[in-house]
Amino acid sequence: MSLKVEMEMKAMLVIKYVNGQNSAEKIYQKAAEFVANQQLEVPDFEDYVQITEVTLGGVF
C-alpha cells in the first residue's frame, strides 16, 4: 500500500480541487484543522478555487 493511500485512510478530511490549470489535494487529520485554516487572513481555499471532491472519514 502506498504512503498516499495510507495517509488518506487515516485522514479525517481529504479535499481535491482545481486552481486554474492545476489539480491538487489537501489532507487534514481533523475537520477542525480545516475550519481553523479557513478563518485565517489567507485561507487554504479562496472563493475562486473549484472543489472537485471531498472525502470525510473515507466516505464521499
PDB file of N, CA and C in Angstrom:
ATOM      1  N   MET A   1       0.851  -1.170   0.000  1.00  0.00           N
ATOM      2  CA  MET A   1       0.000   0.000   0.000  1.00  0.00           C
ATOM      3  C   MET A   1       0.900   1.238   0.000  1.00  0.00           C
ATOM      4  N   SER A   2       0.572   2.220  -0.826  1.00  0.00           N
ATOM      5  CA  SER A   2       1.411   3.410  -0.919  1.00  0.00           C
ATOM      6  C   SER A   2       1.185   4.320   0.281  1.00  0.00           C
ATOM      7  N   LEU A   3       2.146   5.182   0.524  1.00  0.00           N
ATOM      8  CA  LEU A   3       2.061   6.130   1.636  1.00  0.00           C
ATOM      9  C   LEU A   3       0.865   7.057   1.463  1.00  0.00           C
ATOM     10  N   LYS A   4       0.601   7.490   0.232  1.00  0.00           N
ATOM     11  CA  LYS A   4      -0.531   8.383  -0.028  1.00  0.00           C
ATOM     12  C   LYS A   4      -1.855   7.706   0.342  1.00  0.00           C
ATOM     13  N   VAL A   5      -2.014   6.459  -0.029  1.00  0.00           N
ATOM     14  CA  VAL A   5      -3.241   5.717   0.296  1.00  0.00           C
ATOM     15  C   VAL A   5      -3.370   5.554   1.804  1.00  0.00           C
ATOM     16  N   GLU A   6      -2.262   5.237   2.480  1.00  0.00           N
ATOM     17  CA  GLU A   6      -2.294   5.095   3.933  1.00  0.00           C
ATOM     18  C   GLU A   6      -2.687   6.397   4.600  1.00  0.00           C
ATOM     19  N   MET A   7      -2.147   7.525   4.132  1.00  0.00           N
ATOM     20  CA  MET A   7      -2.491   8.826   4.704  1.00  0.00           C
ATOM     21  C   MET A   7      -3.965   9.140   4.497  1.00  0.00           C
ATOM     22  N   GLU A   8      -4.482   8.851   3.309  1.00  0.00           N
ATOM     23  CA  GLU A   8      -5.886   9.118   3.037  1.00  0.00           C
ATOM     24  C   GLU A   8      -6.796   8.265   3.909  1.00  0.00           C
ATOM     25  N   MET A   9      -6.379   7.036   4.188  1.00  0.00           N
ATOM     26  CA  MET A   9      -7.191   6.160   5.032  1.00  0.00           C
ATOM     27  C   MET A   9      -7.226   6.675   6.463  1.00  0.00           C
ATOM     28  N   LYS A  10      -6.118   7.223   6.943  1.00  0.00           N
ATOM     29  CA  LYS A  10      -6.038   7.746   8.293  1.00  0.00           C
ATOM     30  C   LYS A  10      -6.629   9.147   8.398  1.00  0.00           C
ATOM     31  N   ALA A  11      -6.664   9.877   7.294  1.00  0.00           N
ATOM     32  CA  ALA A  11      -7.106  11.268   7.314  1.00  0.00           C
ATOM     33  C   ALA A  11      -8.595  11.368   7.567  1.00  0.00           C
ATOM     34  N   MET A  12      -8.953  12.393   8.236  1.00  0.00           N
ATOM     35  CA  MET A  12     -10.351  12.673   8.515  1.00  0.00           C
ATOM     36  C   MET A  12     -11.004  13.365   7.319  1.00  0.00           C
ATOM     37  N   LEU A  13     -10.266  14.258   6.663  1.00  0.00           N
ATOM     38  CA  LEU A  13     -10.840  15.074   5.601  1.00  0.00           C
ATOM     39  C   LEU A  13      -9.848  15.210   4.451  1.00  0.00           C
ATOM     40  N   VAL A  14     -10.265  14.840   3.240  1.00  0.00           N
ATOM     41  CA  VAL A  14      -9.448  14.978   2.038  1.00  0.00           C
ATOM     42  C   VAL A  14     -10.239  15.827   1.053  1.00  0.00           C
ATOM     43  N   ILE A  15      -9.626  16.928   0.585  1.00  0.00           N
ATOM     44  CA  ILE A  15     -10.280  17.830  -0.359  1.00  0.00           C
ATOM     45  C   ILE A  15      -9.455  17.859  -1.640  1.00  0.00           C
ATOM     46  N   LYS A  16     -10.083  17.480  -2.749  1.00  0.00           N
ATOM     47  CA  LYS A  16      -9.444  17.561  -4.065  1.00  0.00           C
ATOM     48  C   LYS A  16     -10.014  18.786  -4.759  1.00  0.00           C
ATOM     49  N   TYR A  17      -9.123  19.534  -5.431  1.00  0.00           N
ATOM     50  CA  TYR A  17      -9.551  20.805  -6.016  1.00  0.00           C
ATOM     51  C   TYR A  17      -8.756  21.150  -7.275  1.00  0.00           C
ATOM     52  N   VAL A  18      -9.281  22.127  -8.015  1.00  0.00           N
ATOM     53  CA  VAL A  18      -8.626  22.650  -9.207  1.00  0.00           C
ATOM     54  C   VAL A  18      -8.435  24.145  -8.987  1.00  0.00           C
ATOM     55  N   ASN A  19      -7.201  24.593  -9.169  1.00  0.00           N
ATOM     56  CA  ASN A  19      -6.877  26.015  -9.039  1.00  0.00           C
ATOM     57  C   ASN A  19      -6.228  26.443 -10.345  1.00  0.00           C
ATOM     58  N   GLY A  20      -7.013  27.071 -11.201  1.00  0.00           N
ATOM     59  CA  GLY A  20      -6.524  27.408 -12.538  1.00  0.00           C
ATOM     60  C   GLY A  20      -6.424  26.149 -13.377  1.00  0.00           C
ATOM     61  N   GLN A  21      -5.220  25.795 -13.809  1.00  0.00           N
ATOM     62  CA  GLN A  21      -4.992  24.596 -14.605  1.00  0.00           C
ATOM     63  C   GLN A  21      -4.465  23.429 -13.772  1.00  0.00           C
ATOM     64  N   ASN A  22      -4.250  23.655 -12.468  1.00  0.00           N
ATOM     65  CA  ASN A  22      -3.606  22.656 -11.623  1.00  0.00           C
ATOM     66  C   ASN A  22      -4.608  21.916 -10.736  1.00  0.00           C
ATOM     67  N   SER A  23      -4.519  20.589 -10.736  1.00  0.00           N
ATOM     68  CA  SER A  23      -5.307  19.759  -9.826  1.00  0.00           C
ATOM     69  C   SER A  23      -4.418  19.399  -8.639  1.00  0.00           C
ATOM     70  N   ALA A  24      -5.005  19.381  -7.463  1.00  0.00           N
ATOM     71  CA  ALA A  24      -4.240  19.052  -6.262  1.00  0.00           C
ATOM     72  C   ALA A  24      -5.192  18.542  -5.192  1.00  0.00           C
ATOM     73  N   GLU A  25      -4.631  18.172  -4.064  1.00  0.00           N
ATOM     74  CA  GLU A  25      -5.454  17.772  -2.933  1.00  0.00           C
ATOM     75  C   GLU A  25      -4.808  18.232  -1.647  1.00  0.00           C
ATOM     76  N   LYS A  26      -5.636  18.450  -0.662  1.00  0.00           N
ATOM     77  CA  LYS A  26      -5.188  18.873   0.668  1.00  0.00           C
ATOM     78  C   LYS A  26      -5.756  17.883   1.660  1.00  0.00           C
ATOM     79  N   ILE A  27      -4.909  17.376   2.549  1.00  0.00           N
ATOM     80  CA  ILE A  27      -5.323  16.377   3.527  1.00  0.00           C
ATOM     81  C   ILE A  27      -5.248  16.989   4.922  1.00  0.00           C
ATOM     82  N   TYR A  28      -6.326  16.861   5.663  1.00  0.00           N
ATOM     83  CA  TYR A  28      -6.393  17.329   7.045  1.00  0.00           C
ATOM     84  C   TYR A  28      -6.618  16.128   7.949  1.00  0.00           C
ATOM     85  N   GLN A  29      -5.934  16.074   9.062  1.00  0.00           N
ATOM     86  CA  GLN A  29      -6.123  14.977  10.011  1.00  0.00           C
ATOM     87  C   GLN A  29      -7.408  15.148  10.809  1.00  0.00           C
ATOM     88  N   LYS A  30      -7.831  16.392  11.003  1.00  0.00           N
ATOM     89  CA  LYS A  30      -9.065  16.681  11.734  1.00  0.00           C
ATOM     90  C   LYS A  30      -9.850  17.739  10.985  1.00  0.00           C
ATOM     91  N   ALA A  31     -11.156  17.635  11.004  1.00  0.00           N
ATOM     92  CA  ALA A  31     -12.006  18.633  10.355  1.00  0.00           C
ATOM     93  C   ALA A  31     -11.798  20.001  10.992  1.00  0.00           C
ATOM     94  N   ALA A  32     -11.522  20.044  12.287  1.00  0.00           N
ATOM     95  CA  ALA A  32     -11.286  21.308  12.989  1.00  0.00           C
ATOM     96  C   ALA A  32     -10.072  22.048  12.417  1.00  0.00           C
ATOM     97  N   GLU A  33      -9.094  21.310  11.936  1.00  0.00           N
ATOM     98  CA  GLU A  33      -7.913  21.911  11.312  1.00  0.00           C
ATOM     99  C   GLU A  33      -8.315  22.675  10.048  1.00  0.00           C
ATOM    100  N   PHE A  34      -9.202  22.080   9.243  1.00  0.00           N
ATOM    101  CA  PHE A  34      -9.707  22.743   8.046  1.00  0.00           C
ATOM    102  C   PHE A  34     -10.449  24.028   8.410  1.00  0.00           C
ATOM    103  N   VAL A  35     -11.336  23.960   9.394  1.00  0.00           N
ATOM    104  CA  VAL A  35     -12.123  25.128   9.803  1.00  0.00           C
ATOM    105  C   VAL A  35     -11.199  26.248  10.297  1.00  0.00           C
ATOM    106  N   ALA A  36     -10.216  25.910  11.109  1.00  0.00           N
ATOM    107  CA  ALA A  36      -9.283  26.907  11.626  1.00  0.00           C
ATOM    108  C   ALA A  36      -8.496  27.574  10.503  1.00  0.00           C
ATOM    109  N   ASN A  37      -8.037  26.794   9.520  1.00  0.00           N
ATOM    110  CA  ASN A  37      -7.276  27.351   8.401  1.00  0.00           C
ATOM    111  C   ASN A  37      -8.130  28.255   7.528  1.00  0.00           C
ATOM    112  N   GLN A  38      -9.403  27.958   7.386  1.00  0.00           N
ATOM    113  CA  GLN A  38     -10.289  28.801   6.569  1.00  0.00           C
ATOM    114  C   GLN A  38     -10.561  30.145   7.237  1.00  0.00           C
ATOM    115  N   GLN A  39     -10.334  30.254   8.537  1.00  0.00           N
ATOM    116  CA  GLN A  39     -10.577  31.505   9.246  1.00  0.00           C
ATOM    117  C   GLN A  39      -9.352  32.411   9.288  1.00  0.00           C
ATOM    118  N   LEU A  40      -8.238  31.968   8.719  1.00  0.00           N
ATOM    119  CA  LEU A  40      -7.028  32.781   8.664  1.00  0.00           C
ATOM    120  C   LEU A  40      -7.188  33.919   7.666  1.00  0.00           C
ATOM    121  N   GLU A  41      -6.309  34.921   7.763  1.00  0.00           N
ATOM    122  CA  GLU A  41      -6.349  36.044   6.830  1.00  0.00           C
ATOM    123  C   GLU A  41      -6.208  35.565   5.381  1.00  0.00           C
ATOM    124  N   VAL A  42      -5.346  34.570   5.168  1.00  0.00           N
ATOM    125  CA  VAL A  42      -5.199  33.938   3.853  1.00  0.00           C
ATOM    126  C   VAL A  42      -5.577  32.467   4.040  1.00  0.00           C
ATOM    127  N   PRO A  43      -6.825  32.101   3.735  1.00  0.00           N
ATOM    128  CA  PRO A  43      -7.276  30.722   3.959  1.00  0.00           C
ATOM    129  C   PRO A  43      -6.660  29.747   2.956  1.00  0.00           C
ATOM    130  N   ASP A  44      -6.756  28.451   3.259  1.00  0.00           N
ATOM    131  CA  ASP A  44      -6.253  27.424   2.343  1.00  0.00           C
ATOM    132  C   ASP A  44      -6.982  27.479   1.004  1.00  0.00           C
ATOM    133  N   PHE A  45      -8.295  27.747   1.038  1.00  0.00           N
ATOM    134  CA  PHE A  45      -9.097  27.764  -0.180  1.00  0.00           C
ATOM    135  C   PHE A  45      -9.781  29.114  -0.339  1.00  0.00           C
ATOM    136  N   GLU A  46      -9.360  29.854  -1.352  1.00  0.00           N
ATOM    137  CA  GLU A  46     -10.019  31.117  -1.684  1.00  0.00           C
ATOM    138  C   GLU A  46     -11.350  30.810  -2.360  1.00  0.00           C
ATOM    139  N   ASP A  47     -12.205  31.801  -2.491  1.00  0.00           N
ATOM    140  CA  ASP A  47     -13.542  31.617  -3.061  1.00  0.00           C
ATOM    141  C   ASP A  47     -13.518  31.101  -4.504  1.00  0.00           C
ATOM    142  N   TYR A  48     -12.471  31.424  -5.256  1.00  0.00           N
ATOM    143  CA  TYR A  48     -12.416  31.062  -6.672  1.00  0.00           C
ATOM    144  C   TYR A  48     -11.914  29.633  -6.923  1.00  0.00           C
ATOM    145  N   VAL A  49     -11.440  28.938  -5.904  1.00  0.00           N
ATOM    146  CA  VAL A  49     -10.917  27.582  -6.061  1.00  0.00           C
ATOM    147  C   VAL A  49     -12.088  26.614  -6.243  1.00  0.00           C
ATOM    148  N   GLN A  50     -11.999  25.782  -7.282  1.00  0.00           N
ATOM    149  CA  GLN A  50     -13.063  24.818  -7.576  1.00  0.00           C
ATOM    150  C   GLN A  50     -12.784  23.510  -6.840  1.00  0.00           C
ATOM    151  N   ILE A  51     -13.668  23.161  -5.902  1.00  0.00           N
ATOM    152  CA  ILE A  51     -13.562  21.905  -5.156  1.00  0.00           C
ATOM    153  C   ILE A  51     -14.198  20.811  -6.025  1.00  0.00           C
ATOM    154  N   THR A  52     -13.471  19.734  -6.263  1.00  0.00           N
ATOM    155  CA  THR A  52     -13.984  18.668  -7.129  1.00  0.00           C
ATOM    156  C   THR A  52     -14.452  17.439  -6.356  1.00  0.00           C
ATOM    157  N   GLU A  53     -13.868  17.203  -5.180  1.00  0.00           N
ATOM    158  CA  GLU A  53     -14.254  16.014  -4.395  1.00  0.00           C
ATOM    159  C   GLU A  53     -13.870  16.227  -2.935  1.00  0.00           C
ATOM    160  N   VAL A  54     -14.740  15.802  -2.044  1.00  0.00           N
ATOM    161  CA  VAL A  54     -14.471  15.864  -0.606  1.00  0.00           C
ATOM    162  C   VAL A  54     -14.746  14.486  -0.010  1.00  0.00           C
ATOM    163  N   THR A  55     -13.782  13.984   0.749  1.00  0.00           N
ATOM    164  CA  THR A  55     -13.939  12.703   1.433  1.00  0.00           C
ATOM    165  C   THR A  55     -13.785  12.961   2.928  1.00  0.00           C
ATOM    166  N   LEU A  56     -14.783  12.573   3.700  1.00  0.00           N
ATOM    167  CA  LEU A  56     -14.756  12.747   5.143  1.00  0.00           C
ATOM    168  C   LEU A  56     -14.752  11.377   5.785  1.00  0.00           C
ATOM    169  N   GLY A  57     -13.672  11.039   6.466  1.00  0.00           N
ATOM    170  CA  GLY A  57     -13.554   9.745   7.109  1.00  0.00           C
ATOM    171  C   GLY A  57     -13.625   8.580   6.150  1.00  0.00           C
ATOM    172  N   GLY A  58     -13.130   8.775   4.916  1.00  0.00           N
ATOM    173  CA  GLY A  58     -13.121   7.719   3.920  1.00  0.00           C
ATOM    174  C   GLY A  58     -14.401   7.569   3.134  1.00  0.00           C
ATOM    175  N   VAL A  59     -15.400   8.441   3.379  1.00  0.00           N
ATOM    176  CA  VAL A  59     -16.695   8.379   2.696  1.00  0.00           C
ATOM    177  C   VAL A  59     -16.854   9.629   1.843  1.00  0.00           C
ATOM    178  N   PHE A  60     -17.295   9.441   0.589  1.00  0.00           N
ATOM    179  CA  PHE A  60     -17.503  10.572  -0.317  1.00  0.00           C
ATOM    180  C   PHE A  60     -18.723  11.353   0.079  1.00  0.00           C
TER     181      PHE A  60
END
